[in-house]
Amino acid sequence: MTQAERVARQEALRDVIKRLEKVLAEFRAEAEKTAVGCDHTYPDGRAAVAGGSTKICAICGAVLKGRDAKLWG
């Protein structure tokens, strides 16, 4: 492979990377929008909360405050 071919391939790969980063950013934005209205339950009605002292929603990943969570430390 010549130097010119390497440079051309590198530029082509950079273009592909930029395009894929844009698509990934769009997917992340869409996932963020869908997580905004999460009620932290599965479709069958079960709670989608996991964890011990720190509760996390298994669907959206949000950290949830428990009933006995301290407001100050």
N, C-alpha and C. Protein backbone atom coordinates (compact mmCIF):
# COMPACT_ATOMS: atom_id res chain seq x y z
N MET A 1 0.86 -1.17 0.00
CA MET A 1 0.00 0.00 0.00
C MET A 1 0.90 1.23 0.00
N THR A 2 0.65 2.14 -0.88
CA THR A 2 1.47 3.35 -0.98
C THR A 2 1.00 4.38 0.05
N GLN A 3 1.84 5.39 0.24
CA GLN A 3 1.50 6.45 1.20
C GLN A 3 0.24 7.18 0.78
N ALA A 4 0.07 7.43 -0.49
CA ALA A 4 -1.13 8.11 -0.99
C ALA A 4 -2.38 7.28 -0.72
N GLU A 5 -2.28 5.96 -0.87
CA GLU A 5 -3.41 5.09 -0.59
C GLU A 5 -3.74 5.08 0.91
N ARG A 6 -2.71 5.10 1.74
CA ARG A 6 -2.92 5.15 3.19
C ARG A 6 -3.64 6.43 3.60
N VAL A 7 -3.18 7.54 3.05
CA VAL A 7 -3.79 8.84 3.38
C VAL A 7 -5.24 8.87 2.91
N ALA A 8 -5.49 8.38 1.72
CA ALA A 8 -6.86 8.36 1.19
C ALA A 8 -7.75 7.46 2.06
N ARG A 9 -7.23 6.31 2.46
CA ARG A 9 -8.00 5.39 3.30
C ARG A 9 -8.27 6.02 4.66
N GLN A 10 -7.28 6.71 5.21
CA GLN A 10 -7.44 7.35 6.51
C GLN A 10 -8.52 8.44 6.44
N GLU A 11 -8.52 9.22 5.38
CA GLU A 11 -9.54 10.26 5.22
C GLU A 11 -10.93 9.64 5.06
N ALA A 12 -11.01 8.56 4.31
CA ALA A 12 -12.29 7.88 4.13
C ALA A 12 -12.80 7.35 5.47
N LEU A 13 -11.91 6.78 6.26
CA LEU A 13 -12.31 6.26 7.57
C LEU A 13 -12.74 7.38 8.50
N ARG A 14 -12.07 8.51 8.45
CA ARG A 14 -12.48 9.65 9.28
C ARG A 14 -13.87 10.12 8.92
N ASP A 15 -14.19 10.13 7.60
CA ASP A 15 -15.53 10.51 7.17
C ASP A 15 -16.57 9.54 7.71
N VAL A 16 -16.27 8.25 7.68
CA VAL A 16 -17.19 7.24 8.20
C VAL A 16 -17.37 7.43 9.70
N ILE A 17 -16.28 7.69 10.40
CA ILE A 17 -16.35 7.90 11.85
C ILE A 17 -17.23 9.11 12.17
N LYS A 18 -17.06 10.20 11.45
CA LYS A 18 -17.88 11.40 11.69
C LYS A 18 -19.35 11.11 11.47
N ARG A 19 -19.66 10.36 10.40
CA ARG A 19 -21.04 10.03 10.10
C ARG A 19 -21.63 9.15 11.20
N LEU A 20 -20.87 8.16 11.65
CA LEU A 20 -21.36 7.27 12.69
C LEU A 20 -21.50 7.98 14.03
N GLU A 21 -20.61 8.93 14.33
CA GLU A 21 -20.73 9.71 15.56
C GLU A 21 -22.00 10.54 15.55
N LYS A 22 -22.36 11.08 14.38
CA LYS A 22 -23.59 11.85 14.27
C LYS A 22 -24.81 10.96 14.50
N VAL A 23 -24.80 9.76 13.92
CA VAL A 23 -25.90 8.81 14.11
C VAL A 23 -25.99 8.41 15.58
N LEU A 24 -24.84 8.16 16.22
CA LEU A 24 -24.82 7.79 17.63
C LEU A 24 -25.38 8.91 18.50
N ALA A 25 -25.03 10.15 18.18
CA ALA A 25 -25.55 11.29 18.94
C ALA A 25 -27.07 11.37 18.80
N GLU A 26 -27.58 11.09 17.61
CA GLU A 26 -29.03 11.10 17.40
C GLU A 26 -29.71 10.00 18.22
N PHE A 27 -29.09 8.81 18.25
CA PHE A 27 -29.65 7.72 19.04
C PHE A 27 -29.63 8.05 20.53
N ARG A 28 -28.56 8.65 21.01
CA ARG A 28 -28.48 9.02 22.42
C ARG A 28 -29.53 10.06 22.77
N ALA A 29 -29.75 11.03 21.89
CA ALA A 29 -30.77 12.04 22.13
C ALA A 29 -32.16 11.41 22.18
N GLU A 30 -32.41 10.47 21.28
CA GLU A 30 -33.71 9.79 21.27
C GLU A 30 -33.90 8.96 22.53
N ALA A 31 -32.84 8.28 22.97
CA ALA A 31 -32.93 7.48 24.20
C ALA A 31 -33.17 8.37 25.41
N GLU A 32 -32.56 9.55 25.42
CA GLU A 32 -32.77 10.49 26.52
C GLU A 32 -34.22 10.98 26.55
N LYS A 33 -34.78 11.24 25.36
CA LYS A 33 -36.17 11.70 25.28
C LYS A 33 -37.13 10.63 25.77
N THR A 34 -36.87 9.38 25.45
CA THR A 34 -37.78 8.31 25.88
C THR A 34 -37.67 8.06 27.37
N ALA A 35 -36.51 8.34 27.97
CA ALA A 35 -36.33 8.12 29.41
C ALA A 35 -37.00 9.20 30.24
N VAL A 36 -37.33 10.34 29.65
CA VAL A 36 -37.92 11.45 30.40
C VAL A 36 -39.27 11.06 30.99
N GLY A 37 -40.07 10.33 30.26
CA GLY A 37 -41.40 9.95 30.74
C GLY A 37 -41.46 8.60 31.39
N CYS A 38 -40.34 8.07 31.85
CA CYS A 38 -40.29 6.73 32.43
C CYS A 38 -41.02 6.71 33.77
N ASP A 39 -41.90 5.71 33.94
CA ASP A 39 -42.59 5.57 35.22
C ASP A 39 -41.97 4.45 36.07
N HIS A 40 -40.82 3.94 35.64
CA HIS A 40 -40.00 2.97 36.38
C HIS A 40 -40.74 1.67 36.65
N THR A 41 -41.58 1.25 35.70
CA THR A 41 -42.26 -0.04 35.80
C THR A 41 -42.16 -0.75 34.46
N TYR A 42 -42.17 -2.08 34.51
CA TYR A 42 -42.20 -2.90 33.30
C TYR A 42 -43.61 -2.88 32.73
N PRO A 43 -43.79 -3.27 31.48
CA PRO A 43 -45.14 -3.26 30.89
C PRO A 43 -46.16 -4.11 31.65
N ASP A 44 -45.70 -5.14 32.37
CA ASP A 44 -46.65 -5.97 33.11
C ASP A 44 -46.99 -5.41 34.49
N GLY A 45 -46.45 -4.23 34.83
CA GLY A 45 -46.79 -3.57 36.08
C GLY A 45 -45.80 -3.73 37.20
N ARG A 46 -44.81 -4.63 37.04
CA ARG A 46 -43.81 -4.82 38.09
C ARG A 46 -42.87 -3.62 38.14
N ALA A 47 -42.36 -3.34 39.32
CA ALA A 47 -41.41 -2.24 39.48
C ALA A 47 -40.09 -2.59 38.79
N ALA A 48 -39.50 -1.61 38.13
CA ALA A 48 -38.24 -1.81 37.42
C ALA A 48 -37.09 -1.19 38.20
N VAL A 49 -37.17 -1.28 39.51
CA VAL A 49 -36.18 -0.67 40.38
C VAL A 49 -35.27 -1.76 40.92
N ALA A 50 -33.97 -1.50 40.88
CA ALA A 50 -32.99 -2.47 41.38
C ALA A 50 -32.02 -1.75 42.30
N GLY A 51 -31.44 -2.51 43.21
CA GLY A 51 -30.41 -1.94 44.08
C GLY A 51 -30.79 -2.05 45.53
N GLY A 52 -29.78 -1.81 46.35
CA GLY A 52 -29.98 -1.86 47.80
C GLY A 52 -30.28 -0.48 48.34
N SER A 53 -29.27 0.17 48.91
CA SER A 53 -29.49 1.49 49.48
C SER A 53 -29.63 2.56 48.39
N THR A 54 -29.05 2.30 47.24
CA THR A 54 -29.20 3.21 46.10
C THR A 54 -30.09 2.51 45.08
N LYS A 55 -31.24 3.06 44.82
CA LYS A 55 -32.19 2.47 43.88
C LYS A 55 -31.98 3.06 42.50
N ILE A 56 -31.96 2.19 41.49
CA ILE A 56 -31.75 2.60 40.10
C ILE A 56 -32.82 1.96 39.24
N CYS A 57 -33.38 2.72 38.32
CA CYS A 57 -34.37 2.20 37.39
C CYS A 57 -33.65 1.34 36.35
N ALA A 58 -34.13 0.12 36.14
CA ALA A 58 -33.51 -0.79 35.18
C ALA A 58 -33.81 -0.39 33.74
N ILE A 59 -34.79 0.45 33.53
CA ILE A 59 -35.17 0.85 32.18
C ILE A 59 -34.41 2.10 31.74
N CYS A 60 -34.50 3.17 32.53
CA CYS A 60 -33.91 4.45 32.12
C CYS A 60 -32.58 4.75 32.79
N GLY A 61 -32.24 4.03 33.86
CA GLY A 61 -30.97 4.25 34.53
C GLY A 61 -30.97 5.39 35.53
N ALA A 62 -32.12 5.94 35.83
CA ALA A 62 -32.20 7.06 36.76
C ALA A 62 -31.98 6.58 38.19
N VAL A 63 -31.28 7.37 38.98
CA VAL A 63 -31.10 7.08 40.41
C VAL A 63 -32.31 7.64 41.14
N LEU A 64 -32.96 6.77 41.90
CA LEU A 64 -34.21 7.14 42.57
C LEU A 64 -33.97 7.29 44.06
N LYS A 65 -34.66 8.24 44.67
CA LYS A 65 -34.59 8.44 46.11
C LYS A 65 -35.57 7.49 46.78
N GLY A 66 -35.12 6.85 47.83
CA GLY A 66 -35.98 5.96 48.58
C GLY A 66 -36.85 6.74 49.55
N ARG A 67 -37.76 6.05 50.20
CA ARG A 67 -38.64 6.72 51.16
C ARG A 67 -37.84 7.29 52.33
N ASP A 68 -36.81 6.54 52.75
CA ASP A 68 -36.06 6.96 53.91
C ASP A 68 -34.76 7.65 53.54
N ALA A 69 -34.66 8.16 52.34
CA ALA A 69 -33.42 8.83 51.90
C ALA A 69 -33.22 10.13 52.69
N LYS A 70 -32.02 10.33 53.16
CA LYS A 70 -31.72 11.55 53.91
C LYS A 70 -31.61 12.73 52.96
N LEU A 71 -32.12 13.84 53.37
CA LEU A 71 -32.04 15.04 52.56
C LEU A 71 -30.77 15.81 52.85
N TRP A 72 -30.14 15.53 53.96
CA TRP A 72 -28.87 16.17 54.32
C TRP A 72 -27.98 15.11 54.94
N GLY A 73 -26.67 15.35 54.93
CA GLY A 73 -25.75 14.31 55.35
C GLY A 73 -25.09 14.59 56.60
